[in-house]
C-alpha atoms as a PDB file:
ATOM      1  CA  MET A   1     -60.867 -49.355 158.735  1.00  0.00           C
ATOM      2  CA  PRO A   2     -57.570 -48.493 157.046  1.00  0.00           C
ATOM      3  CA  VAL A   3     -54.270 -49.952 158.218  1.00  0.00           C
ATOM      4  CA  LEU A   4     -52.991 -47.569 160.915  1.00  0.00           C
ATOM      5  CA  SER A   5     -49.738 -47.006 162.723  1.00  0.00           C
ATOM      6  CA  GLU A   6     -49.624 -47.378 166.513  1.00  0.00           C
ATOM      7  CA  ASP A   7     -50.117 -43.674 167.132  1.00  0.00           C
ATOM      8  CA  PRO A   8     -51.732 -42.029 164.078  1.00  0.00           C
ATOM      9  CA  PHE A   9     -52.653 -38.354 163.867  1.00  0.00           C
ATOM     10  CA  PHE A  10     -55.642 -37.212 161.802  1.00  0.00           C
ATOM     11  CA  ILE A  11     -56.039 -33.839 160.087  1.00  0.00           C
ATOM     12  CA  PHE A  12     -59.522 -32.705 159.074  1.00  0.00           C
ATOM     13  CA  ILE A  13     -59.836 -29.920 156.479  1.00  0.00           C
ATOM     14  CA  THR A  14     -63.221 -28.226 156.454  1.00  0.00           C
ATOM     15  CA  GLN A  15     -64.143 -24.649 155.603  1.00  0.00           C
ATOM     16  CA  SER A  16     -67.295 -24.516 157.726  1.00  0.00           C
ATOM     17  CA  GLY A  17     -66.336 -27.012 160.395  1.00  0.00           C
ATOM     18  CA  GLU A  18     -69.820 -28.542 159.989  1.00  0.00           C
ATOM     19  CA  THR A  19     -69.163 -31.150 157.278  1.00  0.00           C
ATOM     20  CA  ALA A  20     -71.252 -34.158 158.269  1.00  0.00           C
ATOM     21  CA  ASP A  21     -69.209 -36.922 156.653  1.00  0.00           C
ATOM     22  CA  SER A  22     -66.006 -35.560 158.145  1.00  0.00           C
ATOM     23  CA  ARG A  23     -67.628 -35.344 161.554  1.00  0.00           C
ATOM     24  CA  ALA A  24     -68.740 -38.983 161.309  1.00  0.00           C
ATOM     25  CA  CYS A  25     -65.102 -39.917 160.755  1.00  0.00           C
ATOM     26  CA  LEU A  26     -63.944 -37.676 163.608  1.00  0.00           C
ATOM     27  CA  LYS A  27     -66.404 -39.315 165.998  1.00  0.00           C
ATOM     28  CA  LYS A  28     -64.942 -42.703 165.149  1.00  0.00           C
ATOM     29  CA  ILE A  29     -61.401 -41.372 165.625  1.00  0.00           C
ATOM     30  CA  ASN A  30     -62.341 -39.950 169.019  1.00  0.00           C
ATOM     31  CA  GLY A  31     -63.892 -43.252 169.981  1.00  0.00           C
ATOM     32  CA  LEU A  32     -60.604 -44.981 169.226  1.00  0.00           C
ATOM     33  CA  GLY A  33     -58.696 -42.437 171.330  1.00  0.00           C
ATOM     34  CA  TYR A  34     -56.591 -40.957 168.519  1.00  0.00           C
ATOM     35  CA  ASN A  35     -55.483 -37.313 168.341  1.00  0.00           C
ATOM     36  CA  SER A  36     -56.803 -35.030 165.623  1.00  0.00           C
ATOM     37  CA  LEU A  37     -56.495 -31.542 164.174  1.00  0.00           C
ATOM     38  CA  THR A  38     -59.235 -29.535 162.485  1.00  0.00           C
ATOM     39  CA  ILE A  39     -58.228 -26.851 159.979  1.00  0.00           C
ATOM     40  CA  THR A  40     -61.229 -24.589 159.560  1.00  0.00           C
ATOM     41  CA  ASN A  41     -62.321 -21.018 158.998  1.00  0.00           C
ATOM     42  CA  VAL A  42     -64.992 -21.040 161.718  1.00  0.00           C
ATOM     43  CA  ALA A  43     -64.001 -20.837 165.349  1.00  0.00           C
ATOM     44  CA  GLY A  44     -66.318 -22.814 167.615  1.00  0.00           C
ATOM     45  CA  SER A  45     -67.653 -24.989 164.801  1.00  0.00           C
ATOM     46  CA  THR A  46     -68.519 -28.621 165.508  1.00  0.00           C
ATOM     47  CA  LEU A  47     -65.329 -30.159 164.112  1.00  0.00           C
ATOM     48  CA  SER A  48     -63.324 -27.462 165.850  1.00  0.00           C
ATOM     49  CA  ARG A  49     -64.862 -28.262 169.209  1.00  0.00           C
ATOM     50  CA  GLU A  50     -64.621 -32.036 168.876  1.00  0.00           C
ATOM     51  CA  ALA A  51     -61.069 -32.334 167.552  1.00  0.00           C
ATOM     52  CA  THR A  52     -58.056 -32.425 169.847  1.00  0.00           C
ATOM     53  CA  TYR A  53     -56.566 -29.318 168.231  1.00  0.00           C
ATOM     54  CA  THR A  54     -57.794 -26.537 165.934  1.00  0.00           C
ATOM     55  CA  LEU A  55     -55.913 -24.419 163.423  1.00  0.00           C
ATOM     56  CA  LEU A  56     -57.927 -21.458 162.118  1.00  0.00           C
ATOM     57  CA  LEU A  57     -57.607 -20.127 158.567  1.00  0.00           C
ATOM     58  CA  HIS A  58     -58.394 -16.509 159.497  1.00  0.00           C
ATOM     59  CA  ALA A  59     -59.724 -15.970 155.942  1.00  0.00           C
ATOM     60  CA  GLY A  60     -62.478 -13.672 157.192  1.00  0.00           C
ATOM     61  CA  PRO A  61     -66.249 -13.963 156.659  1.00  0.00           C
ATOM     62  CA  GLU A  62     -67.223 -16.126 153.691  1.00  0.00           C
ATOM     63  CA  ILE A  63     -70.067 -14.471 151.807  1.00  0.00           C
ATOM     64  CA  ALA A  64     -70.187 -16.730 148.757  1.00  0.00           C
ATOM     65  CA  VAL A  65     -71.224 -20.370 149.028  1.00  0.00           C
ATOM     66  CA  ALA A  66     -68.467 -21.275 146.543  1.00  0.00           C
ATOM     67  CA  SER A  67     -65.758 -19.783 148.720  1.00  0.00           C
ATOM     68  CA  THR A  68     -62.492 -19.017 146.977  1.00  0.00           C
ATOM     69  CA  LYS A  69     -60.399 -17.307 149.668  1.00  0.00           C
ATOM     70  CA  ALA A  70     -60.844 -20.242 152.039  1.00  0.00           C
ATOM     71  CA  TYR A  71     -59.220 -22.501 149.430  1.00  0.00           C
ATOM     72  CA  THR A  72     -56.121 -20.337 149.134  1.00  0.00           C
ATOM     73  CA  ALA A  73     -56.043 -19.898 152.912  1.00  0.00           C
ATOM     74  CA  GLN A  74     -56.124 -23.680 153.335  1.00  0.00           C
ATOM     75  CA  ILE A  75     -53.105 -24.114 151.045  1.00  0.00           C
ATOM     76  CA  ALA A  76     -51.187 -21.348 152.844  1.00  0.00           C
ATOM     77  CA  VAL A  77     -51.937 -22.770 156.303  1.00  0.00           C
ATOM     78  CA  LEU A  78     -51.104 -26.308 155.207  1.00  0.00           C
ATOM     79  CA  SER A  79     -47.784 -25.094 153.765  1.00  0.00           C
ATOM     80  CA  ILE A  80     -46.946 -23.462 157.104  1.00  0.00           C
ATOM     81  CA  LEU A  81     -47.906 -26.628 158.968  1.00  0.00           C
ATOM     82  CA  ALA A  82     -45.818 -28.802 156.604  1.00  0.00           C
ATOM     83  CA  PHE A  83     -42.851 -26.438 157.003  1.00  0.00           C
ATOM     84  CA  CYS A  84     -43.065 -26.570 160.801  1.00  0.00           C
ATOM     85  CA  ILE A  85     -42.866 -30.361 160.965  1.00  0.00           C
ATOM     86  CA  SER A  86     -40.291 -30.876 158.215  1.00  0.00           C
ATOM     87  CA  ASP A  87     -36.565 -30.286 157.745  1.00  0.00           C
ATOM     88  CA  TYR A  88     -37.122 -28.760 154.312  1.00  0.00           C
ATOM     89  CA  GLU A  89     -34.829 -25.776 153.733  1.00  0.00           C
ATOM     90  CA  ILE A  90     -36.976 -22.859 152.605  1.00  0.00           C
ATOM     91  CA  ASP A  91     -37.500 -19.244 153.636  1.00  0.00           C
ATOM     92  CA  LEU A  92     -41.246 -19.687 153.876  1.00  0.00           C
ATOM     93  CA  HIS A  93     -41.957 -16.081 154.871  1.00  0.00           C
ATOM     94  CA  LYS A  94     -40.117 -14.848 151.782  1.00  0.00           C
ATOM     95  CA  GLU A  95     -41.799 -17.366 149.489  1.00  0.00           C
ATOM     96  CA  LEU A  96     -45.301 -16.598 150.775  1.00  0.00           C
ATOM     97  CA  SER A  97     -44.555 -12.884 150.378  1.00  0.00           C
ATOM     98  CA  LYS A  98     -43.725 -13.522 146.717  1.00  0.00           C
ATOM     99  CA  VAL A  99     -47.037 -15.374 146.412  1.00  0.00           C
ATOM    100  CA  ALA A 100     -48.928 -12.423 147.922  1.00  0.00           C
ATOM    101  CA  ASN A 101     -47.237  -9.990 145.521  1.00  0.00           C
ATOM    102  CA  THR A 102     -48.051 -12.213 142.544  1.00  0.00           C
ATOM    103  CA  ILE A 103     -51.704 -12.478 143.583  1.00  0.00           C
ATOM    104  CA  ASP A 104     -51.835  -8.670 143.798  1.00  0.00           C
ATOM    105  CA  GLU A 105     -50.505  -8.490 140.239  1.00  0.00           C
ATOM    106  CA  VAL A 106     -53.201 -10.915 139.032  1.00  0.00           C
ATOM    107  CA  TYR A 107     -55.766  -8.314 140.091  1.00  0.00           C
ATOM    108  CA  SER A 108     -54.444  -6.047 137.340  1.00  0.00           C
ATOM    109  CA  LEU A 109     -55.360  -8.740 134.806  1.00  0.00           C
ATOM    110  CA  LYS A 110     -59.056  -8.704 135.726  1.00  0.00           C
ATOM    111  CA  ASN A 111     -60.188  -6.895 132.602  1.00  0.00           C
ATOM    112  CA  ARG A 112     -58.185  -9.215 130.358  1.00  0.00           C
ATOM    113  CA  ILE A 113     -59.571 -12.269 132.140  1.00  0.00           C
ATOM    114  CA  LYS A 114     -63.093 -10.841 131.773  1.00  0.00           C
ATOM    115  CA  ASP A 115     -62.574 -10.508 128.007  1.00  0.00           C
ATOM    116  CA  LEU A 116     -61.164 -14.022 127.775  1.00  0.00           C
ATOM    117  CA  ALA A 117     -64.040 -15.437 129.786  1.00  0.00           C
ATOM    118  CA  GLU A 118     -66.557 -13.819 127.483  1.00  0.00           C
ATOM    119  CA  SER A 119     -64.660 -15.049 124.426  1.00  0.00           C
ATOM    120  CA  TYR A 120     -64.123 -18.641 125.548  1.00  0.00           C
ATOM    121  CA  LEU A 121     -67.039 -19.384 127.868  1.00  0.00           C
ATOM    122  CA  ASN A 122     -70.046 -17.268 126.833  1.00  0.00           C
ATOM    123  CA  GLU A 123     -71.666 -19.736 124.433  1.00  0.00           C
ATOM    124  CA  THR A 124     -70.300 -23.033 125.672  1.00  0.00           C
ATOM    125  CA  ARG A 125     -72.217 -25.738 127.531  1.00  0.00           C
ATOM    126  CA  SER A 126     -69.106 -27.717 128.520  1.00  0.00           C
ATOM    127  CA  CYS A 127     -65.495 -26.983 129.380  1.00  0.00           C
ATOM    128  CA  PHE A 128     -62.357 -28.850 130.453  1.00  0.00           C
ATOM    129  CA  TYR A 129     -59.341 -27.979 132.599  1.00  0.00           C
ATOM    130  CA  ILE A 130     -56.159 -30.017 132.221  1.00  0.00           C
ATOM    131  CA  GLY A 131     -52.866 -30.141 134.100  1.00  0.00           C
ATOM    132  CA  ARG A 132     -50.162 -32.503 135.295  1.00  0.00           C
ATOM    133  CA  GLY A 133     -48.966 -33.240 138.815  1.00  0.00           C
ATOM    134  CA  ILE A 134     -49.746 -30.356 141.151  1.00  0.00           C
ATOM    135  CA  ASP A 135     -51.441 -28.528 138.255  1.00  0.00           C
ATOM    136  CA  TYR A 136     -53.963 -31.364 137.963  1.00  0.00           C
ATOM    137  CA  TYR A 137     -55.256 -30.626 141.448  1.00  0.00           C
ATOM    138  CA  VAL A 138     -55.631 -26.966 140.506  1.00  0.00           C
ATOM    139  CA  ALA A 139     -57.508 -28.069 137.396  1.00  0.00           C
ATOM    140  CA  MET A 140     -59.976 -30.041 139.509  1.00  0.00           C
ATOM    141  CA  GLU A 141     -60.599 -27.130 141.880  1.00  0.00           C
ATOM    142  CA  ALA A 142     -60.930 -24.736 138.928  1.00  0.00           C
ATOM    143  CA  ALA A 143     -63.445 -27.040 137.264  1.00  0.00           C
ATOM    144  CA  LEU A 144     -65.426 -27.324 140.488  1.00  0.00           C
ATOM    145  CA  LYS A 145     -65.726 -23.536 140.854  1.00  0.00           C
ATOM    146  CA  LEU A 146     -66.745 -23.033 137.220  1.00  0.00           C
ATOM    147  CA  LYS A 147     -69.475 -25.653 137.346  1.00  0.00           C
ATOM    148  CA  GLU A 148     -70.707 -24.456 140.755  1.00  0.00           C
ATOM    149  CA  ILE A 149     -71.451 -20.864 139.820  1.00  0.00           C
ATOM    150  CA  SER A 150     -71.796 -20.762 136.027  1.00  0.00           C
ATOM    151  CA  TYR A 151     -73.533 -24.144 135.591  1.00  0.00           C
ATOM    152  CA  ILE A 152     -71.216 -24.955 132.706  1.00  0.00           C
ATOM    153  CA  GLN A 153     -70.522 -28.702 132.712  1.00  0.00           C
ATOM    154  CA  THR A 154     -66.833 -28.613 133.583  1.00  0.00           C
ATOM    155  CA  GLU A 155     -64.337 -31.391 134.353  1.00  0.00           C
ATOM    156  CA  GLY A 156     -60.726 -31.345 135.463  1.00  0.00           C
ATOM    157  CA  PHE A 157     -58.561 -33.987 133.813  1.00  0.00           C
ATOM    158  CA  ALA A 158     -54.996 -35.200 134.271  1.00  0.00           C
ATOM    159  CA  ALA A 159     -53.416 -34.085 130.976  1.00  0.00           C
ATOM    160  CA  GLY A 160     -51.328 -37.255 130.751  1.00  0.00           C
ATOM    161  CA  GLU A 161     -54.445 -39.434 130.885  1.00  0.00           C
ATOM    162  CA  LEU A 162     -56.389 -37.761 128.079  1.00  0.00           C
ATOM    163  CA  LYS A 163     -55.592 -40.571 125.648  1.00  0.00           C
ATOM    164  CA  HIS A 164     -57.134 -43.089 128.069  1.00  0.00           C
ATOM    165  CA  GLY A 165     -60.657 -42.342 126.898  1.00  0.00           C
ATOM    166  CA  THR A 166     -61.376 -38.766 127.964  1.00  0.00           C
ATOM    167  CA  ILE A 167     -60.088 -37.291 124.706  1.00  0.00           C
ATOM    168  CA  ALA A 168     -63.251 -38.734 123.152  1.00  0.00           C
ATOM    169  CA  LEU A 169     -65.103 -35.853 124.815  1.00  0.00           C
ATOM    170  CA  ILE A 170     -63.170 -33.236 122.882  1.00  0.00           C
ATOM    171  CA  GLU A 171     -65.190 -31.741 120.034  1.00  0.00           C
ATOM    172  CA  GLU A 172     -65.180 -28.668 117.831  1.00  0.00           C
ATOM    173  CA  ASN A 173     -64.774 -25.364 119.746  1.00  0.00           C
ATOM    174  CA  VAL A 174     -65.007 -26.908 123.212  1.00  0.00           C
ATOM    175  CA  PRO A 175     -62.901 -24.790 125.621  1.00  0.00           C
ATOM    176  CA  VAL A 176     -59.867 -26.560 127.110  1.00  0.00           C
ATOM    177  CA  LEU A 177     -58.001 -24.500 129.722  1.00  0.00           C
ATOM    178  CA  ALA A 178     -54.517 -25.749 130.617  1.00  0.00           C
ATOM    179  CA  VAL A 179     -52.606 -24.946 133.807  1.00  0.00           C
ATOM    180  CA  ILE A 180     -48.819 -25.168 133.398  1.00  0.00           C
ATOM    181  CA  SER A 181     -46.316 -24.454 136.176  1.00  0.00           C
ATOM    182  CA  SER A 182     -44.079 -27.532 136.424  1.00  0.00           C
ATOM    183  CA  LYS A 183     -40.634 -27.429 134.823  1.00  0.00           C
ATOM    184  CA  ASP A 184     -40.582 -31.229 134.732  1.00  0.00           C
ATOM    185  CA  THR A 185     -43.775 -31.761 132.763  1.00  0.00           C
ATOM    186  CA  HIS A 186     -44.595 -28.516 130.934  1.00  0.00           C
ATOM    187  CA  LEU A 187     -43.528 -29.842 127.544  1.00  0.00           C
ATOM    188  CA  ASN A 188     -45.705 -32.919 128.018  1.00  0.00           C
ATOM    189  CA  THR A 189     -48.712 -30.753 128.811  1.00  0.00           C
ATOM    190  CA  ARG A 190     -48.053 -28.626 125.740  1.00  0.00           C
ATOM    191  CA  GLY A 191     -48.072 -31.833 123.716  1.00  0.00           C
ATOM    192  CA  ASN A 192     -51.513 -32.587 125.136  1.00  0.00           C
ATOM    193  CA  ILE A 193     -52.651 -29.089 124.151  1.00  0.00           C
ATOM    194  CA  LYS A 194     -51.618 -29.801 120.569  1.00  0.00           C
ATOM    195  CA  GLU A 195     -53.574 -33.047 120.680  1.00  0.00           C
ATOM    196  CA  VAL A 196     -56.833 -31.417 121.717  1.00  0.00           C
ATOM    197  CA  GLU A 197     -56.294 -28.497 119.319  1.00  0.00           C
ATOM    198  CA  SER A 198     -55.982 -30.994 116.454  1.00  0.00           C
ATOM    199  CA  ARG A 199     -59.440 -32.243 117.431  1.00  0.00           C
ATOM    200  CA  GLY A 200     -60.994 -28.794 117.332  1.00  0.00           C
ATOM    201  CA  ALA A 201     -60.629 -27.626 120.934  1.00  0.00           C
ATOM    202  CA  ASN A 202     -60.439 -23.916 121.713  1.00  0.00           C
ATOM    203  CA  THR A 203     -57.449 -23.815 124.075  1.00  0.00           C
ATOM    204  CA  LEU A 204     -56.291 -21.285 126.652  1.00  0.00           C
ATOM    205  CA  VAL A 205     -53.093 -21.525 128.709  1.00  0.00           C
ATOM    206  CA  ILE A 206     -52.402 -20.260 132.221  1.00  0.00           C
ATOM    207  CA  SER A 207     -48.661 -20.567 132.889  1.00  0.00           C
ATOM    208  CA  THR A 208     -45.858 -19.333 135.114  1.00  0.00           C
ATOM    209  CA  GLN A 209     -43.061 -17.242 133.676  1.00  0.00           C
ATOM    210  CA  SER A 210     -40.274 -19.859 133.561  1.00  0.00           C
ATOM    211  CA  VAL A 211     -42.376 -22.368 131.581  1.00  0.00           C
ATOM    212  CA  SER A 212     -44.398 -19.905 129.500  1.00  0.00           C
ATOM    213  CA  ASN A 213     -44.706 -19.365 125.773  1.00  0.00           C
ATOM    214  CA  LYS A 214     -45.293 -15.882 124.396  1.00  0.00           C
ATOM    215  CA  THR A 215     -48.618 -17.086 123.003  1.00  0.00           C
ATOM    216  CA  ASP A 216     -49.983 -18.074 126.437  1.00  0.00           C
ATOM    217  CA  GLU A 217     -53.052 -16.052 127.378  1.00  0.00           C
ATOM    218  CA  ILE A 218     -52.230 -15.674 131.106  1.00  0.00           C
ATOM    219  CA  ILE A 219     -48.612 -15.601 132.339  1.00  0.00           C
ATOM    220  CA  LEU A 220     -47.939 -15.353 136.076  1.00  0.00           C
ATOM    221  CA  ASN A 221     -44.743 -14.568 137.977  1.00  0.00           C
ATOM    222  CA  ASP A 222     -42.741 -17.515 139.246  1.00  0.00           C
ATOM    223  CA  VAL A 223     -43.150 -18.611 142.865  1.00  0.00           C
ATOM    224  CA  HIS A 224     -41.805 -21.637 144.733  1.00  0.00           C
ATOM    225  CA  GLU A 225     -42.885 -24.766 142.863  1.00  0.00           C
ATOM    226  CA  LEU A 226     -44.746 -26.173 145.878  1.00  0.00           C
ATOM    227  CA  LEU A 227     -46.739 -22.940 146.259  1.00  0.00           C
ATOM    228  CA  THR A 228     -47.812 -22.496 142.633  1.00  0.00           C
ATOM    229  CA  PRO A 229     -51.431 -23.593 143.373  1.00  0.00           C
ATOM    230  CA  LEU A 230     -51.827 -20.394 145.368  1.00  0.00           C
ATOM    231  CA  VAL A 231     -51.295 -18.265 142.251  1.00  0.00           C
ATOM    232  CA  THR A 232     -52.476 -20.435 139.357  1.00  0.00           C
ATOM    233  CA  ILE A 233     -55.898 -20.841 140.956  1.00  0.00           C
ATOM    234  CA  ILE A 234     -56.597 -17.073 141.021  1.00  0.00           C
ATOM    235  CA  PRO A 235     -57.166 -16.569 137.264  1.00  0.00           C
ATOM    236  CA  THR A 236     -59.447 -19.616 137.208  1.00  0.00           C
ATOM    237  CA  GLN A 237     -61.526 -18.147 140.020  1.00  0.00           C
ATOM    238  CA  TYR A 238     -61.898 -14.975 137.988  1.00  0.00           C
ATOM    239  CA  PHE A 239     -62.915 -17.017 134.954  1.00  0.00           C
ATOM    240  CA  SER A 240     -65.666 -18.608 137.021  1.00  0.00           C
ATOM    241  CA  TYR A 241     -66.791 -15.248 138.348  1.00  0.00           C
ATOM    242  CA  TYR A 242     -67.022 -13.558 134.956  1.00  0.00           C
ATOM    243  CA  ALA A 243     -68.613 -16.561 133.275  1.00  0.00           C
ATOM    244  CA  ALA A 244     -71.393 -16.505 135.887  1.00  0.00           C
ATOM    245  CA  LEU A 245     -71.680 -12.710 135.792  1.00  0.00           C
ATOM    246  CA  SER A 246     -72.139 -12.666 132.010  1.00  0.00           C
ATOM    247  CA  ARG A 247     -75.022 -15.134 132.429  1.00  0.00           C
ATOM    248  CA  GLY A 248     -76.749 -12.969 135.037  1.00  0.00           C
ATOM    249  CA  LEU A 249     -76.458 -15.669 137.717  1.00  0.00           C
ATOM    250  CA  ASP A 250     -76.371 -15.261 141.498  1.00  0.00           C
ATOM    251  CA  ILE A 251     -72.670 -15.773 142.119  1.00  0.00           C
ATOM    252  CA  ASP A 252     -72.877 -15.767 145.920  1.00  0.00           C
ATOM    253  CA  LYS A 253     -75.808 -18.190 146.124  1.00  0.00           C
ATOM    254  CA  PRO A 254     -75.678 -20.763 143.326  1.00  0.00           C
ATOM    255  CA  ARG A 255     -78.609 -23.105 143.035  1.00  0.00           C
ATOM    256  CA  ASN A 256     -78.821 -26.303 145.083  1.00  0.00           C
ATOM    257  CA  LEU A 257     -75.714 -25.502 147.144  1.00  0.00           C
ATOM    258  CA  ALA A 258     -75.457 -24.881 150.876  1.00  0.00           C
ATOM    259  CA  LYS A 259     -72.665 -23.408 152.951  1.00  0.00           C
ATOM    260  CA  SER A 260     -72.539 -26.377 155.323  1.00  0.00           C
ATOM    261  CA  VAL A 261     -72.863 -30.044 154.340  1.00  0.00           C
ATOM    262  CA  THR A 262     -75.166 -31.330 157.067  1.00  0.00           C
ATOM    263  CA  VAL A 263     -75.909 -34.828 155.678  1.00  0.00           C
ATOM    264  CA  GLU A 264     -73.583 -37.667 154.776  1.00  0.00           C
END
């Protein structure tokens, strides 16, 4: 058991509401008499019924096993929840509206992303995403989606930790996709890009306007720094889609995956 405060509150994040390992934890929490909240996309699911409170994503029916809209819905709902319990000064409605408009504009880049996916990912057997800070978490989610539906061996790495061993995996023409949105660390990440390029990597950059270079392949409009994962993830989801499509794979039902995780 972790060290707990006198009155802890537990938040469970689960798309399906049927995740077995999360439910095992929830059962223990209930046994100890603590309050909990389930954030899920499925009303009436097991974790929804057994938690003290439920917050629905309202992302709509999930057709694909590797759901993408549930991920962005989770970030949006969590940002609203965080805003409601904080004293952070932000016009959240305005900022989320800017996010929605930027996502709409990414749709117009679909053909360019398709061409880039075919150029960078068609012949590769492995791929890497890199990022720093909040971009690192986007890199991990992007890597997960690409490996799930295209079966390309993909890993998300913290760009600042490449020199601690993982740079040994970089070889000639391996794709390295960088996510850059942070004003504090963008120059550091670009330094890491130069490092992998010098070792033969085929690099591609997804950036936001204020930290972009004119040579970046995908440049997105600026949004609030804490909401950038909502927009930087969209191009990576398209990359996964087109990489799988070009291989003739079943995008909605990738092999060995199930919609609900029913075993621990």
